[in-house]
């Protein structure tokens, strides 16, 4: 179980670093992105382990990756400026 938590944290850190490296202009500060990735991966591993009981190591890592990517996607900002038109335009 400790190995799952450590592996999930490393997976979250790697995914968050990849997001921060690939999309720096669309994300907030790097420490926030990295901590969100680790927290999302740990939470995903916990949820997968709780839901699947004895599902195994790989299923816990898959759950960690899914929740990590979902939580990181919530940090993304729009690529361009939002165009706001008045109601009459």
Protein backbone atom coordinates (compact mmCIF):
# COMPACT_ATOMS: atom_id res chain seq x y z
CA UNK A 1 0.00 0.00 0.00
CA UNK A 2 2.88 2.33 0.69
CA UNK A 3 4.32 1.46 -2.72
CA UNK A 4 1.00 2.35 -4.35
CA UNK A 5 0.93 5.74 -2.63
CA UNK A 6 4.53 6.50 -3.54
CA UNK A 7 4.03 5.36 -7.14
CA UNK A 8 0.85 7.40 -7.45
CA UNK A 9 2.58 10.51 -6.14
CA UNK A 10 5.44 10.06 -8.60
CA UNK A 11 2.95 9.48 -11.44
CA UNK A 12 1.07 12.65 -10.48
CA UNK A 13 4.29 14.62 -10.35
CA UNK A 14 5.34 13.39 -13.78
CA UNK A 15 1.95 14.13 -15.34
CA UNK A 16 1.85 17.59 -13.76
CA UNK A 17 5.38 18.33 -14.96
CA UNK A 18 4.38 17.25 -18.48
CA UNK A 19 1.35 19.56 -18.36
CA UNK A 20 3.42 22.45 -17.04
CA UNK A 21 6.12 21.89 -19.64
CA UNK A 22 3.71 21.51 -22.55
CA UNK A 23 1.16 24.24 -21.68
CA UNK A 24 2.91 26.90 -19.58
CA UNK A 25 0.90 29.78 -21.08
CA UNK A 26 -2.45 28.21 -20.16
CA UNK A 27 -1.69 27.18 -16.57
CA UNK A 28 -1.26 29.07 -13.29
CA UNK A 29 1.97 29.00 -11.26
CA UNK A 30 4.06 25.84 -11.50
CA UNK A 31 3.95 24.96 -7.75
CA UNK A 32 0.15 24.95 -7.88
CA UNK A 33 0.16 22.68 -10.93
CA UNK A 34 2.64 20.24 -9.39
CA UNK A 35 0.81 20.04 -6.07
CA UNK A 36 -2.54 19.59 -7.82
CA UNK A 37 -1.10 16.73 -9.85
CA UNK A 38 0.24 14.92 -6.80
CA UNK A 39 -2.93 15.47 -4.78
CA UNK A 40 -5.13 14.34 -7.66
CA UNK A 41 -3.09 11.19 -8.18
CA UNK A 42 -3.15 10.29 -4.50
CA UNK A 43 -6.88 10.87 -4.33
CA UNK A 44 -7.43 8.84 -7.50
CA UNK A 45 -5.42 5.92 -6.13
CA UNK A 46 -7.41 6.09 -2.90
CA UNK A 47 -10.74 6.09 -4.73
CA UNK A 48 -9.69 3.26 -7.06
CA UNK A 49 -8.37 1.20 -4.17
CA UNK A 50 -11.54 1.80 -2.14
CA UNK A 51 -13.91 1.07 -5.02
CA UNK A 52 -12.13 -2.02 -6.33
CA UNK A 53 -11.07 -3.34 -2.92
CA UNK A 54 -8.33 -5.76 -4.01
CA UNK A 55 -8.22 -4.68 -7.64
CA UNK A 56 -4.47 -4.60 -7.87
CA UNK A 57 -1.58 -2.26 -8.29
CA UNK A 58 -2.17 -1.37 -11.95
CA UNK A 59 -5.82 -0.48 -11.45
CA UNK A 60 -4.87 1.86 -8.62
CA UNK A 61 -2.36 3.57 -10.92
CA UNK A 62 -4.96 3.86 -13.68
CA UNK A 63 -7.35 5.48 -11.22
CA UNK A 64 -4.58 7.79 -10.09
CA UNK A 65 -3.81 8.84 -13.66
CA UNK A 66 -7.46 9.45 -14.52
CA UNK A 67 -8.17 11.66 -11.50
CA UNK A 68 -4.83 13.45 -11.87
CA UNK A 69 -5.50 14.37 -15.49
CA UNK A 70 -9.06 15.42 -14.63
CA UNK A 71 -7.88 17.69 -11.81
CA UNK A 72 -5.13 19.19 -13.96
CA UNK A 73 -7.60 19.90 -16.74
CA UNK A 74 -9.59 22.05 -14.32
CA UNK A 75 -6.60 24.41 -14.07
CA UNK A 76 -6.46 25.14 -17.82
CA UNK A 77 -7.33 28.63 -18.96
CA UNK A 78 -8.78 29.50 -22.39
CA UNK A 79 -6.17 29.85 -25.14
CA UNK A 80 -7.29 33.23 -26.41
CA UNK A 81 -9.11 36.19 -25.06
CA UNK A 82 -12.80 35.71 -24.48
CA UNK A 83 -14.87 37.79 -26.84
CA UNK A 84 -17.79 39.40 -25.17
CA UNK A 85 -20.40 40.98 -27.33
CA UNK A 86 -23.27 43.05 -26.18
CA UNK A 87 -26.77 41.67 -26.48
CA UNK A 88 -27.57 44.02 -29.37
CA UNK A 89 -24.57 43.09 -31.49
